C-alpha atoms as a PDB file:
ATOM      1  CA  UNK A   1     121.489 110.229 108.566  1.00  0.00           C
ATOM      2  CA  UNK A   2     119.070 109.610 105.715  1.00  0.00           C
ATOM      3  CA  UNK A   3     115.370 109.464 106.284  1.00  0.00           C
ATOM      4  CA  UNK A   4     113.585 106.264 105.262  1.00  0.00           C
ATOM      5  CA  UNK A   5     110.001 105.077 105.644  1.00  0.00           C
ATOM      6  CA  UNK A   6     111.209 102.388 108.083  1.00  0.00           C
ATOM      7  CA  UNK A   7     112.925 104.975 110.289  1.00  0.00           C
ATOM      8  CA  UNK A   8     111.063 108.270 110.260  1.00  0.00           C
ATOM      9  CA  UNK A   9     113.151 111.222 111.337  1.00  0.00           C
ATOM     10  CA  UNK A  10     110.810 113.890 112.668  1.00  0.00           C
ATOM     11  CA  UNK A  11     109.002 113.475 115.966  1.00  0.00           C
ATOM     12  CA  UNK A  12     105.677 113.853 114.164  1.00  0.00           C
ATOM     13  CA  UNK A  13     106.520 111.066 111.732  1.00  0.00           C
ATOM     14  CA  UNK A  14     107.640 108.868 114.615  1.00  0.00           C
ATOM     15  CA  UNK A  15     104.413 109.552 116.501  1.00  0.00           C
ATOM     16  CA  UNK A  16     102.407 108.632 113.407  1.00  0.00           C
ATOM     17  CA  UNK A  17     104.378 105.405 112.912  1.00  0.00           C
ATOM     18  CA  UNK A  18     103.897 104.436 116.555  1.00  0.00           C
ATOM     19  CA  UNK A  19     100.168 105.221 116.431  1.00  0.00           C
ATOM     20  CA  UNK A  20      99.794 103.023 113.360  1.00  0.00           C
ATOM     21  CA  UNK A  21     101.879 100.249 114.953  1.00  0.00           C
ATOM     22  CA  UNK A  22      99.450 100.273 117.891  1.00  0.00           C
ATOM     23  CA  UNK A  23      96.529 100.176 115.438  1.00  0.00           C
ATOM     24  CA  UNK A  24      95.102 103.457 116.716  1.00  0.00           C
ATOM     25  CA  UNK A  25      93.197 106.033 114.722  1.00  0.00           C
ATOM     26  CA  UNK A  26      93.906 109.709 115.261  1.00  0.00           C
ATOM     27  CA  UNK A  27      90.610 110.121 117.174  1.00  0.00           C
ATOM     28  CA  UNK A  28      91.434 107.096 119.362  1.00  0.00           C
ATOM     29  CA  UNK A  29      94.862 108.494 120.195  1.00  0.00           C
ATOM     30  CA  UNK A  30      93.336 111.908 120.863  1.00  0.00           C
ATOM     31  CA  UNK A  31      90.884 110.354 123.300  1.00  0.00           C
ATOM     32  CA  UNK A  32      93.682 108.528 125.130  1.00  0.00           C
ATOM     33  CA  UNK A  33      95.712 111.737 125.422  1.00  0.00           C
ATOM     34  CA  UNK A  34      92.734 113.987 126.186  1.00  0.00           C
ATOM     35  CA  UNK A  35      93.118 116.315 123.215  1.00  0.00           C
ATOM     36  CA  UNK A  36      91.337 117.175 119.980  1.00  0.00           C
ATOM     37  CA  UNK A  37      91.996 114.880 116.970  1.00  0.00           C
ATOM     38  CA  UNK A  38      93.114 117.915 114.958  1.00  0.00           C
ATOM     39  CA  UNK A  39      96.017 118.285 117.398  1.00  0.00           C
ATOM     40  CA  UNK A  40      97.135 114.725 116.637  1.00  0.00           C
ATOM     41  CA  UNK A  41      96.997 115.499 112.926  1.00  0.00           C
ATOM     42  CA  UNK A  42      98.953 118.738 113.299  1.00  0.00           C
ATOM     43  CA  UNK A  43     101.559 117.037 115.486  1.00  0.00           C
ATOM     44  CA  UNK A  44     102.038 114.168 113.061  1.00  0.00           C
ATOM     45  CA  UNK A  45     102.480 116.636 110.201  1.00  0.00           C
ATOM     46  CA  UNK A  46     105.065 118.574 112.207  1.00  0.00           C
ATOM     47  CA  UNK A  47     102.955 121.722 112.376  1.00  0.00           C
ATOM     48  CA  UNK A  48     103.007 121.815 116.161  1.00  0.00           C
ATOM     49  CA  UNK A  49     105.213 120.516 118.945  1.00  0.00           C
ATOM     50  CA  UNK A  50     103.721 118.531 121.802  1.00  0.00           C
ATOM     51  CA  UNK A  51     103.409 120.774 124.865  1.00  0.00           C
ATOM     52  CA  UNK A  52     105.698 119.790 127.715  1.00  0.00           C
ATOM     53  CA  UNK A  53     102.767 119.330 130.073  1.00  0.00           C
ATOM     54  CA  UNK A  54     101.098 116.875 127.696  1.00  0.00           C
ATOM     55  CA  UNK A  55     104.134 114.755 126.808  1.00  0.00           C
ATOM     56  CA  UNK A  56     103.619 112.224 129.614  1.00  0.00           C
ATOM     57  CA  UNK A  57     100.016 111.680 128.474  1.00  0.00           C
ATOM     58  CA  UNK A  58     101.212 111.125 124.884  1.00  0.00           C
ATOM     59  CA  UNK A  59     103.874 108.703 126.135  1.00  0.00           C
ATOM     60  CA  UNK A  60     101.323 106.718 128.144  1.00  0.00           C
ATOM     61  CA  UNK A  61      98.881 106.667 125.230  1.00  0.00           C
ATOM     62  CA  UNK A  62     101.575 105.475 122.824  1.00  0.00           C
ATOM     63  CA  UNK A  63     103.215 103.109 125.355  1.00  0.00           C
ATOM     64  CA  UNK A  64     106.557 104.914 125.185  1.00  0.00           C
ATOM     65  CA  UNK A  65     109.415 105.230 127.643  1.00  0.00           C
ATOM     66  CA  UNK A  66     108.930 108.217 129.951  1.00  0.00           C
ATOM     67  CA  UNK A  67     110.840 111.227 128.679  1.00  0.00           C
ATOM     68  CA  UNK A  68     111.373 109.849 125.188  1.00  0.00           C
ATOM     69  CA  UNK A  69     109.368 112.601 123.461  1.00  0.00           C
ATOM     70  CA  UNK A  70     111.382 115.344 125.132  1.00  0.00           C
ATOM     71  CA  UNK A  71     114.616 113.585 124.184  1.00  0.00           C
ATOM     72  CA  UNK A  72     113.402 113.266 120.597  1.00  0.00           C
ATOM     73  CA  UNK A  73     112.712 116.994 120.413  1.00  0.00           C
ATOM     74  CA  UNK A  74     115.973 118.044 122.086  1.00  0.00           C
ATOM     75  CA  UNK A  75     118.453 115.436 120.825  1.00  0.00           C
ATOM     76  CA  UNK A  76     116.812 114.419 117.551  1.00  0.00           C
ATOM     77  CA  UNK A  77     116.771 110.809 118.787  1.00  0.00           C
ATOM     78  CA  UNK A  78     114.184 108.172 118.008  1.00  0.00           C
ATOM     79  CA  UNK A  79     111.230 107.707 120.349  1.00  0.00           C
ATOM     80  CA  UNK A  80     111.471 104.516 122.361  1.00  0.00           C
ATOM     81  CA  UNK A  81     108.657 102.116 123.170  1.00  0.00           C
ATOM     82  CA  UNK A  82     108.532 101.096 126.805  1.00  0.00           C
ATOM     83  CA  UNK A  83     109.323  97.465 127.541  1.00  0.00           C
ATOM     84  CA  UNK A  84     106.083  95.501 127.562  1.00  0.00           C
ATOM     85  CA  UNK A  85     106.476  94.529 131.205  1.00  0.00           C
ATOM     86  CA  UNK A  86     107.084  98.168 132.214  1.00  0.00           C
ATOM     87  CA  UNK A  87     104.170  99.874 130.514  1.00  0.00           C
ATOM     88  CA  UNK A  88     101.533 100.544 133.122  1.00  0.00           C
ATOM     89  CA  UNK A  89      98.502 102.190 131.622  1.00  0.00           C
ATOM     90  CA  UNK A  90      98.147 104.328 134.721  1.00  0.00           C
ATOM     91  CA  UNK A  91     100.023 107.509 135.476  1.00  0.00           C
ATOM     92  CA  UNK A  92     101.733 106.242 138.614  1.00  0.00           C
ATOM     93  CA  UNK A  93     102.494 109.796 139.708  1.00  0.00           C
ATOM     94  CA  UNK A  94      98.738 110.391 140.058  1.00  0.00           C
ATOM     95  CA  UNK A  95      97.586 108.949 143.411  1.00  0.00           C
ATOM     96  CA  UNK A  96      94.118 108.060 142.116  1.00  0.00           C
ATOM     97  CA  UNK A  97      95.410 106.264 139.035  1.00  0.00           C
ATOM     98  CA  UNK A  98      98.089 104.526 141.087  1.00  0.00           C
ATOM     99  CA  UNK A  99      95.465 103.264 143.565  1.00  0.00           C
ATOM    100  CA  UNK A 100      93.346 101.945 140.718  1.00  0.00           C
ATOM    101  CA  UNK A 101      96.360 100.321 139.045  1.00  0.00           C
ATOM    102  CA  UNK A 102      97.234  98.510 142.267  1.00  0.00           C
ATOM    103  CA  UNK A 103      93.732  97.019 142.651  1.00  0.00           C
ATOM    104  CA  UNK A 104      93.501  93.244 142.489  1.00  0.00           C
ATOM    105  CA  UNK A 105      91.254  93.118 139.455  1.00  0.00           C
ATOM    106  CA  UNK A 106      91.931  92.352 135.824  1.00  0.00           C
ATOM    107  CA  UNK A 107      94.074  94.774 133.850  1.00  0.00           C
ATOM    108  CA  UNK A 108      91.173  95.296 131.461  1.00  0.00           C
ATOM    109  CA  UNK A 109      88.981  96.435 134.365  1.00  0.00           C
ATOM    110  CA  UNK A 110      91.727  98.692 135.745  1.00  0.00           C
ATOM    111  CA  UNK A 111      92.122 100.329 132.332  1.00  0.00           C
ATOM    112  CA  UNK A 112      88.358 100.841 132.052  1.00  0.00           C
ATOM    113  CA  UNK A 113      88.184 102.485 135.482  1.00  0.00           C
ATOM    114  CA  UNK A 114      91.136 104.752 134.662  1.00  0.00           C
ATOM    115  CA  UNK A 115      89.458 105.721 131.377  1.00  0.00           C
ATOM    116  CA  UNK A 116      86.340 106.691 133.326  1.00  0.00           C
ATOM    117  CA  UNK A 117      88.421 108.725 135.786  1.00  0.00           C
ATOM    118  CA  UNK A 118      90.203 110.544 132.953  1.00  0.00           C
ATOM    119  CA  UNK A 119      86.971 111.233 131.084  1.00  0.00           C
ATOM    120  CA  UNK A 120      85.395 112.583 134.268  1.00  0.00           C
ATOM    121  CA  UNK A 121      88.367 114.902 134.835  1.00  0.00           C
ATOM    122  CA  UNK A 122      88.006 116.243 131.324  1.00  0.00           C
ATOM    123  CA  UNK A 123      84.279 116.708 131.703  1.00  0.00           C
ATOM    124  CA  UNK A 124      83.475 114.033 129.123  1.00  0.00           C
ATOM    125  CA  UNK A 125      81.123 111.154 129.362  1.00  0.00           C
ATOM    126  CA  UNK A 126      82.428 107.624 129.604  1.00  0.00           C
ATOM    127  CA  UNK A 127      83.506 106.197 126.232  1.00  0.00           C
ATOM    128  CA  UNK A 128      80.992 103.738 124.799  1.00  0.00           C
END
């Protein structure tokens, strides 16, 4: 299969394309995932592989189907965006995030509360 700009082959190139499609900067993606921006850069350039324990966070941040990054690394398949109606921002396996996601408030407010929770867990201040 030939590599084209429209269909990047490596996982890093696919991650970069998806980040750009979502109009995210490397620092913005890093903040969503909870990593250093230099890790995003190294991943996109193919210098490092995403750690198994961080793949779900990357998938949530990039609105991808669960497990798609692992499949891309193991089967050399393309990463898959999650269907728009099946992309909860919350990690539904985390009881705190699930409780927040199920609140009867706007999605924007739920996302903001989850961002605060994640920042608190990482020892960071709330994003401005």
